[in-house]
Amino acid sequence: MIGIDVTIISRIEKLYNRWGEKGLRKFLSPKEIALGKKVLSYAGFWAAKEAASKALGTGIGKECGFHDIKIKKLPSGQPIIKYKKSIRKKYNIKNSHLSITHDGDLAIAVVVNVYKK
């Protein structure tokens, strides 16, 4: 299944300017905040988590929250996405693929989940 999301970077910037790291912790772990380092990346991470939840068919909510999804990076800088073990098991996910891009004031992410047979 595929999920996509578009996030306005200035929206995340306003959240950060108003609440600082406390605002970021609503959707990111401390490791993700350290990994992102800048608002542009945080907006991409928001879009990635929204896209991942849409790829499940649930959206962000009771079944899958922001903290059930983790963003990491490979040594090459490529972002990767991981679901919490209980989510992977419940939805029978074999692996997931993530792409994030930025253009102007937009952060866009696409997630593709591959399911076990």
PDB file of N, CA and C in Angstrom:
ATOM      1  N   MET A   1       0.838  -1.174   0.000  1.00  0.00           N
ATOM      2  CA  MET A   1       0.000   0.000   0.000  1.00  0.00           C
ATOM      3  C   MET A   1       0.888   1.244   0.000  1.00  0.00           C
ATOM      4  N   ILE A   2       0.413   2.312  -0.590  1.00  0.00           N
ATOM      5  CA  ILE A   2       1.161   3.553  -0.723  1.00  0.00           C
ATOM      6  C   ILE A   2       0.473   4.663   0.071  1.00  0.00           C
ATOM      7  N   GLY A   3       1.274   5.502   0.709  1.00  0.00           N
ATOM      8  CA  GLY A   3       0.771   6.685   1.394  1.00  0.00           C
ATOM      9  C   GLY A   3       1.580   7.891   0.971  1.00  0.00           C
ATOM     10  N   ILE A   4       0.944   9.040   0.869  1.00  0.00           N
ATOM     11  CA  ILE A   4       1.627  10.281   0.493  1.00  0.00           C
ATOM     12  C   ILE A   4       1.106  11.413   1.372  1.00  0.00           C
ATOM     13  N   ASP A   5       1.991  12.388   1.646  1.00  0.00           N
ATOM     14  CA  ASP A   5       1.563  13.558   2.410  1.00  0.00           C
ATOM     15  C   ASP A   5       2.377  14.768   1.972  1.00  0.00           C
ATOM     16  N   VAL A   6       1.734  15.920   2.015  1.00  0.00           N
ATOM     17  CA  VAL A   6       2.366  17.212   1.735  1.00  0.00           C
ATOM     18  C   VAL A   6       2.185  18.068   2.983  1.00  0.00           C
ATOM     19  N   THR A   7       3.275  18.650   3.455  1.00  0.00           N
ATOM     20  CA  THR A   7       3.241  19.492   4.647  1.00  0.00           C
ATOM     21  C   THR A   7       3.826  20.857   4.301  1.00  0.00           C
ATOM     22  N   ILE A   8       3.210  21.908   4.801  1.00  0.00           N
ATOM     23  CA  ILE A   8       3.733  23.256   4.608  1.00  0.00           C
ATOM     24  C   ILE A   8       4.822  23.498   5.657  1.00  0.00           C
ATOM     25  N   ILE A   9       6.022  23.750   5.186  1.00  0.00           N
ATOM     26  CA  ILE A   9       7.172  23.892   6.080  1.00  0.00           C
ATOM     27  C   ILE A   9       6.967  25.041   7.069  1.00  0.00           C
ATOM     28  N   SER A  10       6.402  26.138   6.632  1.00  0.00           N
ATOM     29  CA  SER A  10       6.200  27.285   7.532  1.00  0.00           C
ATOM     30  C   SER A  10       5.254  26.946   8.691  1.00  0.00           C
ATOM     31  N   ARG A  11       4.378  25.981   8.492  1.00  0.00           N
ATOM     32  CA  ARG A  11       3.479  25.538   9.577  1.00  0.00           C
ATOM     33  C   ARG A  11       4.290  24.895  10.704  1.00  0.00           C
ATOM     34  N   ILE A  12       5.248  24.056  10.326  1.00  0.00           N
ATOM     35  CA  ILE A  12       6.105  23.409  11.322  1.00  0.00           C
ATOM     36  C   ILE A  12       7.042  24.448  11.941  1.00  0.00           C
ATOM     37  N   GLU A  13       7.477  25.413  11.146  1.00  0.00           N
ATOM     38  CA  GLU A  13       8.331  26.484  11.653  1.00  0.00           C
ATOM     39  C   GLU A  13       7.596  27.307  12.713  1.00  0.00           C
ATOM     40  N   LYS A  14       6.318  27.608  12.483  1.00  0.00           N
ATOM     41  CA  LYS A  14       5.512  28.349  13.460  1.00  0.00           C
ATOM     42  C   LYS A  14       5.373  27.545  14.752  1.00  0.00           C
ATOM     43  N   LEU A  15       5.135  26.243  14.623  1.00  0.00           N
ATOM     44  CA  LEU A  15       5.030  25.374  15.797  1.00  0.00           C
ATOM     45  C   LEU A  15       6.334  25.419  16.590  1.00  0.00           C
ATOM     46  N   TYR A  16       7.454  25.315  15.878  1.00  0.00           N
ATOM     47  CA  TYR A  16       8.763  25.323  16.534  1.00  0.00           C
ATOM     48  C   TYR A  16       9.053  26.681  17.174  1.00  0.00           C
ATOM     49  N   ASN A  17       8.758  27.754  16.481  1.00  0.00           N
ATOM     50  CA  ASN A  17       9.009  29.089  17.028  1.00  0.00           C
ATOM     51  C   ASN A  17       8.170  29.365  18.276  1.00  0.00           C
ATOM     52  N   ARG A  18       6.969  28.812  18.301  1.00  0.00           N
ATOM     53  CA  ARG A  18       6.087  29.044  19.454  1.00  0.00           C
ATOM     54  C   ARG A  18       6.417  28.134  20.638  1.00  0.00           C
ATOM     55  N   TRP A  19       6.667  26.841  20.362  1.00  0.00           N
ATOM     56  CA  TRP A  19       6.800  25.851  21.425  1.00  0.00           C
ATOM     57  C   TRP A  19       8.200  25.264  21.572  1.00  0.00           C
ATOM     58  N   GLY A  20       9.069  25.503  20.607  1.00  0.00           N
ATOM     59  CA  GLY A  20      10.424  24.950  20.670  1.00  0.00           C
ATOM     60  C   GLY A  20      10.401  23.430  20.592  1.00  0.00           C
ATOM     61  N   GLU A  21      11.347  22.828  21.262  1.00  0.00           N
ATOM     62  CA  GLU A  21      11.466  21.373  21.225  1.00  0.00           C
ATOM     63  C   GLU A  21      10.232  20.678  21.811  1.00  0.00           C
ATOM     64  N   LYS A  22       9.573  21.321  22.754  1.00  0.00           N
ATOM     65  CA  LYS A  22       8.359  20.755  23.346  1.00  0.00           C
ATOM     66  C   LYS A  22       7.305  20.502  22.259  1.00  0.00           C
ATOM     67  N   GLY A  23       7.161  21.409  21.322  1.00  0.00           N
ATOM     68  CA  GLY A  23       6.222  21.234  20.215  1.00  0.00           C
ATOM     69  C   GLY A  23       6.630  20.100  19.298  1.00  0.00           C
ATOM     70  N   LEU A  24       7.928  19.978  19.058  1.00  0.00           N
ATOM     71  CA  LEU A  24       8.421  18.892  18.199  1.00  0.00           C
ATOM     72  C   LEU A  24       8.190  17.526  18.832  1.00  0.00           C
ATOM     73  N   ARG A  25       8.293  17.454  20.161  1.00  0.00           N
ATOM     74  CA  ARG A  25       8.125  16.164  20.856  1.00  0.00           C
ATOM     75  C   ARG A  25       6.715  15.598  20.729  1.00  0.00           C
ATOM     76  N   LYS A  26       5.767  16.384  20.275  1.00  0.00           N
ATOM     77  CA  LYS A  26       4.406  15.878  20.056  1.00  0.00           C
ATOM     78  C   LYS A  26       4.382  14.871  18.903  1.00  0.00           C
ATOM     79  N   PHE A  27       5.360  14.995  17.973  1.00  0.00           N
ATOM     80  CA  PHE A  27       5.375  14.064  16.847  1.00  0.00           C
ATOM     81  C   PHE A  27       6.739  13.430  16.574  1.00  0.00           C
ATOM     82  N   LEU A  28       7.770  13.870  17.306  1.00  0.00           N
ATOM     83  CA  LEU A  28       9.109  13.316  17.112  1.00  0.00           C
ATOM     84  C   LEU A  28       9.712  12.846  18.424  1.00  0.00           C
ATOM     85  N   SER A  29      10.551  11.825  18.338  1.00  0.00           N
ATOM     86  CA  SER A  29      11.310  11.373  19.502  1.00  0.00           C
ATOM     87  C   SER A  29      12.545  12.271  19.652  1.00  0.00           C
ATOM     88  N   PRO A  30      13.194  12.245  20.818  1.00  0.00           N
ATOM     89  CA  PRO A  30      14.425  13.024  20.982  1.00  0.00           C
ATOM     90  C   PRO A  30      15.492  12.658  19.936  1.00  0.00           C
ATOM     91  N   LYS A  31      15.592  11.393  19.580  1.00  0.00           N
ATOM     92  CA  LYS A  31      16.558  10.968  18.558  1.00  0.00           C
ATOM     93  C   LYS A  31      16.214  11.561  17.194  1.00  0.00           C
ATOM     94  N   GLU A  32      14.927  11.624  16.866  1.00  0.00           N
ATOM     95  CA  GLU A  32      14.501  12.208  15.592  1.00  0.00           C
ATOM     96  C   GLU A  32      14.758  13.708  15.563  1.00  0.00           C
ATOM     97  N   ILE A  33      14.563  14.380  16.696  1.00  0.00           N
ATOM     98  CA  ILE A  33      14.840  15.812  16.774  1.00  0.00           C
ATOM     99  C   ILE A  33      16.321  16.066  16.543  1.00  0.00           C
ATOM    100  N   ALA A  34      17.180  15.268  17.179  1.00  0.00           N
ATOM    101  CA  ALA A  34      18.627  15.409  16.989  1.00  0.00           C
ATOM    102  C   ALA A  34      19.021  15.093  15.548  1.00  0.00           C
ATOM    103  N   LEU A  35      18.367  14.121  14.953  1.00  0.00           N
ATOM    104  CA  LEU A  35      18.661  13.724  13.577  1.00  0.00           C
ATOM    105  C   LEU A  35      18.265  14.813  12.584  1.00  0.00           C
ATOM    106  N   GLY A  36      17.127  15.459  12.816  1.00  0.00           N
ATOM    107  CA  GLY A  36      16.605  16.459  11.890  1.00  0.00           C
ATOM    108  C   GLY A  36      17.410  17.744  11.876  1.00  0.00           C
ATOM    109  N   LYS A  37      17.692  18.286  13.033  1.00  0.00           N
ATOM    110  CA  LYS A  37      18.507  19.485  13.219  1.00  0.00           C
ATOM    111  C   LYS A  37      17.932  20.789  12.670  1.00  0.00           C
ATOM    112  N   LYS A  38      16.971  20.743  11.733  1.00  0.00           N
ATOM    113  CA  LYS A  38      16.428  21.991  11.183  1.00  0.00           C
ATOM    114  C   LYS A  38      14.961  21.808  10.804  1.00  0.00           C
ATOM    115  N   VAL A  39      14.244  22.914  10.723  1.00  0.00           N
ATOM    116  CA  VAL A  39      12.801  22.905  10.486  1.00  0.00           C
ATOM    117  C   VAL A  39      12.451  22.187   9.181  1.00  0.00           C
ATOM    118  N   LEU A  40      13.242  22.380   8.150  1.00  0.00           N
ATOM    119  CA  LEU A  40      13.005  21.722   6.865  1.00  0.00           C
ATOM    120  C   LEU A  40      12.909  20.202   7.052  1.00  0.00           C
ATOM    121  N   SER A  41      13.815  19.646   7.821  1.00  0.00           N
ATOM    122  CA  SER A  41      13.808  18.197   8.077  1.00  0.00           C
ATOM    123  C   SER A  41      12.626  17.790   8.944  1.00  0.00           C
ATOM    124  N   TYR A  42      12.312  18.586   9.961  1.00  0.00           N
ATOM    125  CA  TYR A  42      11.173  18.265  10.828  1.00  0.00           C
ATOM    126  C   TYR A  42       9.873  18.210  10.023  1.00  0.00           C
ATOM    127  N   ALA A  43       9.720  19.120   9.083  1.00  0.00           N
ATOM    128  CA  ALA A  43       8.528  19.113   8.225  1.00  0.00           C
ATOM    129  C   ALA A  43       8.509  17.859   7.361  1.00  0.00           C
ATOM    130  N   GLY A  44       9.659  17.446   6.866  1.00  0.00           N
ATOM    131  CA  GLY A  44       9.748  16.207   6.094  1.00  0.00           C
ATOM    132  C   GLY A  44       9.400  14.997   6.939  1.00  0.00           C
ATOM    133  N   PHE A  45       9.841  15.006   8.193  1.00  0.00           N
ATOM    134  CA  PHE A  45       9.527  13.903   9.099  1.00  0.00           C
ATOM    135  C   PHE A  45       8.026  13.851   9.389  1.00  0.00           C
ATOM    136  N   TRP A  46       7.405  15.027   9.575  1.00  0.00           N
ATOM    137  CA  TRP A  46       5.949  15.077   9.783  1.00  0.00           C
ATOM    138  C   TRP A  46       5.255  14.435   8.585  1.00  0.00           C
ATOM    139  N   ALA A  47       5.632  14.873   7.385  1.00  0.00           N
ATOM    140  CA  ALA A  47       5.023  14.345   6.157  1.00  0.00           C
ATOM    141  C   ALA A  47       5.254  12.838   6.054  1.00  0.00           C
ATOM    142  N   ALA A  48       6.440  12.379   6.427  1.00  0.00           N
ATOM    143  CA  ALA A  48       6.754  10.951   6.348  1.00  0.00           C
ATOM    144  C   ALA A  48       5.865  10.131   7.280  1.00  0.00           C
ATOM    145  N   LYS A  49       5.671  10.623   8.492  1.00  0.00           N
ATOM    146  CA  LYS A  49       4.842   9.888   9.445  1.00  0.00           C
ATOM    147  C   LYS A  49       3.371   9.897   9.013  1.00  0.00           C
ATOM    148  N   GLU A  50       2.904  11.010   8.493  1.00  0.00           N
ATOM    149  CA  GLU A  50       1.534  11.061   7.970  1.00  0.00           C
ATOM    150  C   GLU A  50       1.384  10.098   6.787  1.00  0.00           C
ATOM    151  N   ALA A  51       2.361  10.094   5.880  1.00  0.00           N
ATOM    152  CA  ALA A  51       2.310   9.197   4.722  1.00  0.00           C
ATOM    153  C   ALA A  51       2.349   7.734   5.170  1.00  0.00           C
ATOM    154  N   ALA A  52       3.158   7.433   6.178  1.00  0.00           N
ATOM    155  CA  ALA A  52       3.253   6.061   6.683  1.00  0.00           C
ATOM    156  C   ALA A  52       1.921   5.597   7.268  1.00  0.00           C
ATOM    157  N   SER A  53       1.249   6.478   8.001  1.00  0.00           N
ATOM    158  CA  SER A  53      -0.045   6.104   8.580  1.00  0.00           C
ATOM    159  C   SER A  53      -1.099   5.910   7.488  1.00  0.00           C
ATOM    160  N   LYS A  54      -1.011   6.705   6.441  1.00  0.00           N
ATOM    161  CA  LYS A  54      -1.937   6.557   5.310  1.00  0.00           C
ATOM    162  C   LYS A  54      -1.661   5.271   4.548  1.00  0.00           C
ATOM    163  N   ALA A  55      -0.381   4.872   4.478  1.00  0.00           N
ATOM    164  CA  ALA A  55      -0.039   3.610   3.813  1.00  0.00           C
ATOM    165  C   ALA A  55      -0.622   2.416   4.568  1.00  0.00           C
ATOM    166  N   LEU A  56      -0.856   2.585   5.861  1.00  0.00           N
ATOM    167  CA  LEU A  56      -1.518   1.536   6.649  1.00  0.00           C
ATOM    168  C   LEU A  56      -3.021   1.532   6.399  1.00  0.00           C
ATOM    169  N   GLY A  57      -3.531   2.672   5.932  1.00  0.00           N
ATOM    170  CA  GLY A  57      -4.969   2.822   5.749  1.00  0.00           C
ATOM    171  C   GLY A  57      -5.674   3.348   6.982  1.00  0.00           C
ATOM    172  N   THR A  58      -4.901   3.829   7.964  1.00  0.00           N
ATOM    173  CA  THR A  58      -5.500   4.286   9.219  1.00  0.00           C
ATOM    174  C   THR A  58      -5.444   5.800   9.392  1.00  0.00           C
ATOM    175  N   GLY A  59      -4.399   6.441   8.881  1.00  0.00           N
ATOM    176  CA  GLY A  59      -4.126   7.823   9.229  1.00  0.00           C
ATOM    177  C   GLY A  59      -3.615   7.876  10.660  1.00  0.00           C
ATOM    178  N   ILE A  60      -3.165   9.057  11.084  1.00  0.00           N
ATOM    179  CA  ILE A  60      -2.703   9.218  12.467  1.00  0.00           C
ATOM    180  C   ILE A  60      -3.933   9.243  13.365  1.00  0.00           C
ATOM    181  N   GLY A  61      -3.911   8.410  14.380  1.00  0.00           N
ATOM    182  CA  GLY A  61      -5.042   8.349  15.302  1.00  0.00           C
ATOM    183  C   GLY A  61      -4.855   7.249  16.320  1.00  0.00           C
ATOM    184  N   LYS A  62      -5.957   6.645  16.712  1.00  0.00           N
ATOM    185  CA  LYS A  62      -5.948   5.632  17.762  1.00  0.00           C
ATOM    186  C   LYS A  62      -5.123   4.392  17.388  1.00  0.00           C
ATOM    187  N   GLU A  63      -5.250   3.931  16.152  1.00  0.00           N
ATOM    188  CA  GLU A  63      -4.558   2.705  15.743  1.00  0.00           C
ATOM    189  C   GLU A  63      -3.072   2.899  15.485  1.00  0.00           C
ATOM    190  N   CYS A  64      -2.691   4.098  15.070  1.00  0.00           N
ATOM    191  CA  CYS A  64      -1.283   4.386  14.770  1.00  0.00           C
ATOM    192  C   CYS A  64      -1.014   5.861  15.035  1.00  0.00           C
ATOM    193  N   GLY A  65      -0.193   6.116  16.035  1.00  0.00           N
ATOM    194  CA  GLY A  65       0.149   7.492  16.377  1.00  0.00           C
ATOM    195  C   GLY A  65       1.524   7.881  15.858  1.00  0.00           C
ATOM    196  N   PHE A  66       1.858   9.149  15.983  1.00  0.00           N
ATOM    197  CA  PHE A  66       3.158   9.639  15.516  1.00  0.00           C
ATOM    198  C   PHE A  66       4.323   8.855  16.129  1.00  0.00           C
ATOM    199  N   HIS A  67       4.201   8.493  17.398  1.00  0.00           N
ATOM    200  CA  HIS A  67       5.310   7.821  18.077  1.00  0.00           C
ATOM    201  C   HIS A  67       5.342   6.307  17.826  1.00  0.00           C
ATOM    202  N   ASP A  68       4.420   5.800  17.035  1.00  0.00           N
ATOM    203  CA  ASP A  68       4.466   4.403  16.592  1.00  0.00           C
ATOM    204  C   ASP A  68       5.304   4.258  15.324  1.00  0.00           C
ATOM    205  N   ILE A  69       5.757   5.378  14.798  1.00  0.00           N
ATOM    206  CA  ILE A  69       6.519   5.419  13.551  1.00  0.00           C
ATOM    207  C   ILE A  69       7.833   6.141  13.834  1.00  0.00           C
ATOM    208  N   LYS A  70       8.947   5.548  13.416  1.00  0.00           N
ATOM    209  CA  LYS A  70      10.267   6.143  13.654  1.00  0.00           C
ATOM    210  C   LYS A  70      10.965   6.436  12.331  1.00  0.00           C
ATOM    211  N   ILE A  71      11.633   7.573  12.289  1.00  0.00           N
ATOM    212  CA  ILE A  71      12.444   7.967  11.133  1.00  0.00           C
ATOM    213  C   ILE A  71      13.906   7.827  11.539  1.00  0.00           C
ATOM    214  N   LYS A  72      14.676   7.190  10.685  1.00  0.00           N
ATOM    215  CA  LYS A  72      16.121   7.058  10.889  1.00  0.00           C
ATOM    216  C   LYS A  72      16.789   7.380   9.568  1.00  0.00           C
ATOM    217  N   LYS A  73      18.116   7.414   9.571  1.00  0.00           N
ATOM    218  CA  LYS A  73      18.858   7.628   8.330  1.00  0.00           C
ATOM    219  C   LYS A  73      19.980   6.609   8.222  1.00  0.00           C
ATOM    220  N   LEU A  74      20.208   6.159   7.009  1.00  0.00           N
ATOM    221  CA  LEU A  74      21.351   5.302   6.719  1.00  0.00           C
ATOM    222  C   LEU A  74      22.609   6.168   6.693  1.00  0.00           C
ATOM    223  N   PRO A  75      23.800   5.564   6.772  1.00  0.00           N
ATOM    224  CA  PRO A  75      25.037   6.354   6.689  1.00  0.00           C
ATOM    225  C   PRO A  75      25.096   7.247   5.441  1.00  0.00           C
ATOM    226  N   SER A  76      24.441   6.836   4.376  1.00  0.00           N
ATOM    227  CA  SER A  76      24.418   7.633   3.138  1.00  0.00           C
ATOM    228  C   SER A  76      23.531   8.875   3.258  1.00  0.00           C
ATOM    229  N   GLY A  77      22.724   8.948   4.319  1.00  0.00           N
ATOM    230  CA  GLY A  77      21.800  10.055   4.508  1.00  0.00           C
ATOM    231  C   GLY A  77      20.377   9.727   4.071  1.00  0.00           C
ATOM    232  N   GLN A  78      20.209   8.567   3.442  1.00  0.00           N
ATOM    233  CA  GLN A  78      18.875   8.149   2.991  1.00  0.00           C
ATOM    234  C   GLN A  78      17.960   7.934   4.193  1.00  0.00           C
ATOM    235  N   PRO A  79      16.769   8.551   4.185  1.00  0.00           N
ATOM    236  CA  PRO A  79      15.842   8.334   5.298  1.00  0.00           C
ATOM    237  C   PRO A  79      15.187   6.951   5.192  1.00  0.00           C
ATOM    238  N   ILE A  80      14.967   6.355   6.343  1.00  0.00           N
ATOM    239  CA  ILE A  80      14.230   5.088   6.396  1.00  0.00           C
ATOM    240  C   ILE A  80      13.132   5.227   7.447  1.00  0.00           C
ATOM    241  N   ILE A  81      12.130   4.397   7.306  1.00  0.00           N
ATOM    242  CA  ILE A  81      10.985   4.465   8.211  1.00  0.00           C
ATOM    243  C   ILE A  81      10.770   3.102   8.846  1.00  0.00           C
ATOM    244  N   LYS A  82      10.454   3.111  10.124  1.00  0.00           N
ATOM    245  CA  LYS A  82      10.199   1.875  10.863  1.00  0.00           C
ATOM    246  C   LYS A  82       8.930   2.048  11.689  1.00  0.00           C
ATOM    247  N   TYR A  83       8.088   1.032  11.650  1.00  0.00           N
ATOM    248  CA  TYR A  83       6.902   1.012  12.507  1.00  0.00           C
ATOM    249  C   TYR A  83       7.239   0.262  13.790  1.00  0.00           C
ATOM    250  N   LYS A  84       6.537   0.587  14.848  1.00  0.00           N
ATOM    251  CA  LYS A  84       6.634  -0.161  16.089  1.00  0.00           C
ATOM    252  C   LYS A  84       6.321  -1.632  15.800  1.00  0.00           C
ATOM    253  N   LYS A  85       6.944  -2.538  16.513  1.00  0.00           N
ATOM    254  CA  LYS A  85       6.791  -3.976  16.264  1.00  0.00           C
ATOM    255  C   LYS A  85       5.322  -4.411  16.258  1.00  0.00           C
ATOM    256  N   SER A  86       4.532  -3.895  17.176  1.00  0.00           N
ATOM    257  CA  SER A  86       3.119  -4.300  17.236  1.00  0.00           C
ATOM    258  C   SER A  86       2.362  -3.871  15.982  1.00  0.00           C
ATOM    259  N   ILE A  87       2.725  -2.736  15.403  1.00  0.00           N
ATOM    260  CA  ILE A  87       2.097  -2.272  14.152  1.00  0.00           C
ATOM    261  C   ILE A  87       2.520  -3.179  12.997  1.00  0.00           C
ATOM    262  N   ARG A  88       3.829  -3.454  12.910  1.00  0.00           N
ATOM    263  CA  ARG A  88       4.317  -4.345  11.833  1.00  0.00           C
ATOM    264  C   ARG A  88       3.612  -5.691  11.883  1.00  0.00           C
ATOM    265  N   LYS A  89       3.460  -6.215  13.092  1.00  0.00           N
ATOM    266  CA  LYS A  89       2.825  -7.525  13.253  1.00  0.00           C
ATOM    267  C   LYS A  89       1.333  -7.464  12.904  1.00  0.00           C
ATOM    268  N   LYS A  90       0.638  -6.469  13.422  1.00  0.00           N
ATOM    269  CA  LYS A  90      -0.802  -6.344  13.193  1.00  0.00           C
ATOM    270  C   LYS A  90      -1.140  -6.207  11.711  1.00  0.00           C
ATOM    271  N   TYR A  91      -0.311  -5.440  10.976  1.00  0.00           N
ATOM    272  CA  TYR A  91      -0.594  -5.183   9.562  1.00  0.00           C
ATOM    273  C   TYR A  91       0.235  -6.060   8.615  1.00  0.00           C
ATOM    274  N   ASN A  92       1.007  -6.992   9.211  1.00  0.00           N
ATOM    275  CA  ASN A  92       1.750  -7.980   8.425  1.00  0.00           C
ATOM    276  C   ASN A  92       2.749  -7.315   7.457  1.00  0.00           C
ATOM    277  N   ILE A  93       3.461  -6.309   7.944  1.00  0.00           N
ATOM    278  CA  ILE A  93       4.396  -5.551   7.113  1.00  0.00           C
ATOM    279  C   ILE A  93       5.749  -6.243   7.070  1.00  0.00           C
ATOM    280  N   LYS A  94       6.209  -6.504   5.866  1.00  0.00           N
ATOM    281  CA  LYS A  94       7.532  -7.094   5.660  1.00  0.00           C
ATOM    282  C   LYS A  94       8.609  -6.006   5.724  1.00  0.00           C
ATOM    283  N   ASN A  95       8.446  -4.938   4.946  1.00  0.00           N
ATOM    284  CA  ASN A  95       9.333  -3.783   5.015  1.00  0.00           C
ATOM    285  C   ASN A  95       8.643  -2.572   4.410  1.00  0.00           C
ATOM    286  N   SER A  96       9.281  -1.423   4.594  1.00  0.00           N
ATOM    287  CA  SER A  96       8.707  -0.162   4.138  1.00  0.00           C
ATOM    288  C   SER A  96       9.784   0.676   3.470  1.00  0.00           C
ATOM    289  N   HIS A  97       9.353   1.496   2.525  1.00  0.00           N
ATOM    290  CA  HIS A  97      10.266   2.373   1.797  1.00  0.00           C
ATOM    291  C   HIS A  97       9.762   3.803   1.908  1.00  0.00           C
ATOM    292  N   LEU A  98      10.703   4.745   2.049  1.00  0.00           N
ATOM    293  CA  LEU A  98      10.370   6.149   2.265  1.00  0.00           C
ATOM    294  C   LEU A  98      11.151   7.042   1.315  1.00  0.00           C
ATOM    295  N   SER A  99      10.465   8.033   0.770  1.00  0.00           N
ATOM    296  CA  SER A  99      11.113   9.098   0.016  1.00  0.00           C
ATOM    297  C   SER A  99      10.562  10.430   0.513  1.00  0.00           C
ATOM    298  N   ILE A 100      11.475  11.377   0.781  1.00  0.00           N
ATOM    299  CA  ILE A 100      11.102  12.716   1.229  1.00  0.00           C
ATOM    300  C   ILE A 100      11.736  13.724   0.277  1.00  0.00           C
ATOM    301  N   THR A 101      10.972  14.740  -0.102  1.00  0.00           N
ATOM    302  CA  THR A 101      11.510  15.817  -0.922  1.00  0.00           C
ATOM    303  C   THR A 101      10.968  17.145  -0.422  1.00  0.00           C
ATOM    304  N   HIS A 102      11.665  18.209  -0.765  1.00  0.00           N
ATOM    305  CA  HIS A 102      11.264  19.558  -0.375  1.00  0.00           C
ATOM    306  C   HIS A 102      11.299  20.439  -1.614  1.00  0.00           C
ATOM    307  N   ASP A 103      10.315  21.340  -1.718  1.00  0.00           N
ATOM    308  CA  ASP A 103      10.302  22.308  -2.815  1.00  0.00           C
ATOM    309  C   ASP A 103       9.560  23.546  -2.332  1.00  0.00           C
ATOM    310  N   GLY A 104      10.209  24.681  -2.397  1.00  0.00           N
ATOM    311  CA  GLY A 104       9.587  25.902  -1.907  1.00  0.00           C
ATOM    312  C   GLY A 104       9.236  25.749  -0.439  1.00  0.00           C
ATOM    313  N   ASP A 105       7.979  25.964  -0.096  1.00  0.00           N
ATOM    314  CA  ASP A 105       7.517  25.850   1.293  1.00  0.00           C
ATOM    315  C   ASP A 105       6.832  24.505   1.549  1.00  0.00           C
ATOM    316  N   LEU A 106       7.149  23.498   0.732  1.00  0.00           N
ATOM    317  CA  LEU A 106       6.496  22.195   0.870  1.00  0.00           C
ATOM    318  C   LEU A 106       7.495  21.091   1.192  1.00  0.00           C
ATOM    319  N   ALA A 107       7.080  20.194   2.063  1.00  0.00           N
ATOM    320  CA  ALA A 107       7.780  18.939   2.314  1.00  0.00           C
ATOM    321  C   ALA A 107       6.819  17.835   1.882  1.00  0.00           C
ATOM    322  N   ILE A 108       7.308  16.913   1.076  1.00  0.00           N
ATOM    323  CA  ILE A 108       6.466  15.851   0.520  1.00  0.00           C
ATOM    324  C   ILE A 108       7.107  14.508   0.831  1.00  0.00           C
ATOM    325  N   ALA A 109       6.289  13.560   1.249  1.00  0.00           N
ATOM    326  CA  ALA A 109       6.805  12.225   1.552  1.00  0.00           C
ATOM    327  C   ALA A 109       5.891  11.163   0.953  1.00  0.00           C
ATOM    328  N   VAL A 110       6.517  10.085   0.518  1.00  0.00           N
ATOM    329  CA  VAL A 110       5.804   8.920   0.005  1.00  0.00           C
ATOM    330  C   VAL A 110       6.334   7.698   0.747  1.00  0.00           C
ATOM    331  N   VAL A 111       5.421   6.853   1.200  1.00  0.00           N
ATOM    332  CA  VAL A 111       5.782   5.600   1.868  1.00  0.00           C
ATOM    333  C   VAL A 111       5.108   4.450   1.141  1.00  0.00           C
ATOM    334  N   VAL A 112       5.886   3.391   0.893  1.00  0.00           N
ATOM    335  CA  VAL A 112       5.352   2.172   0.298  1.00  0.00           C
ATOM    336  C   VAL A 112       5.612   1.033   1.275  1.00  0.00           C
ATOM    337  N   ASN A 113       4.571   0.337   1.668  1.00  0.00           N
ATOM    338  CA  ASN A 113       4.692  -0.832   2.535  1.00  0.00           C
ATOM    339  C   ASN A 113       4.624  -2.098   1.679  1.00  0.00           C
ATOM    340  N   VAL A 114       5.512  -3.036   2.000  1.00  0.00           N
ATOM    341  CA  VAL A 114       5.522  -4.341   1.366  1.00  0.00           C
ATOM    342  C   VAL A 114       5.013  -5.321   2.428  1.00  0.00           C
ATOM    343  N   TYR A 115       4.045  -6.114   2.071  1.00  0.00           N
ATOM    344  CA  TYR A 115       3.405  -7.008   3.036  1.00  0.00           C
ATOM    345  C   TYR A 115       3.860  -8.447   2.852  1.00  0.00           C
ATOM    346  N   LYS A 116       3.890  -9.180   3.973  1.00  0.00           N
ATOM    347  CA  LYS A 116       4.211 -10.609   3.931  1.00  0.00           C
ATOM    348  C   LYS A 116       3.067 -11.348   3.276  1.00  0.00           C
ATOM    349  N   LYS A 117       3.392 -12.429   2.633  1.00  0.00           N
ATOM    350  CA  LYS A 117       2.347 -13.236   1.979  1.00  0.00           C
ATOM    351  C   LYS A 117       1.844 -14.295   2.897  1.00  0.00           C
TER     352      LYS A 117
END
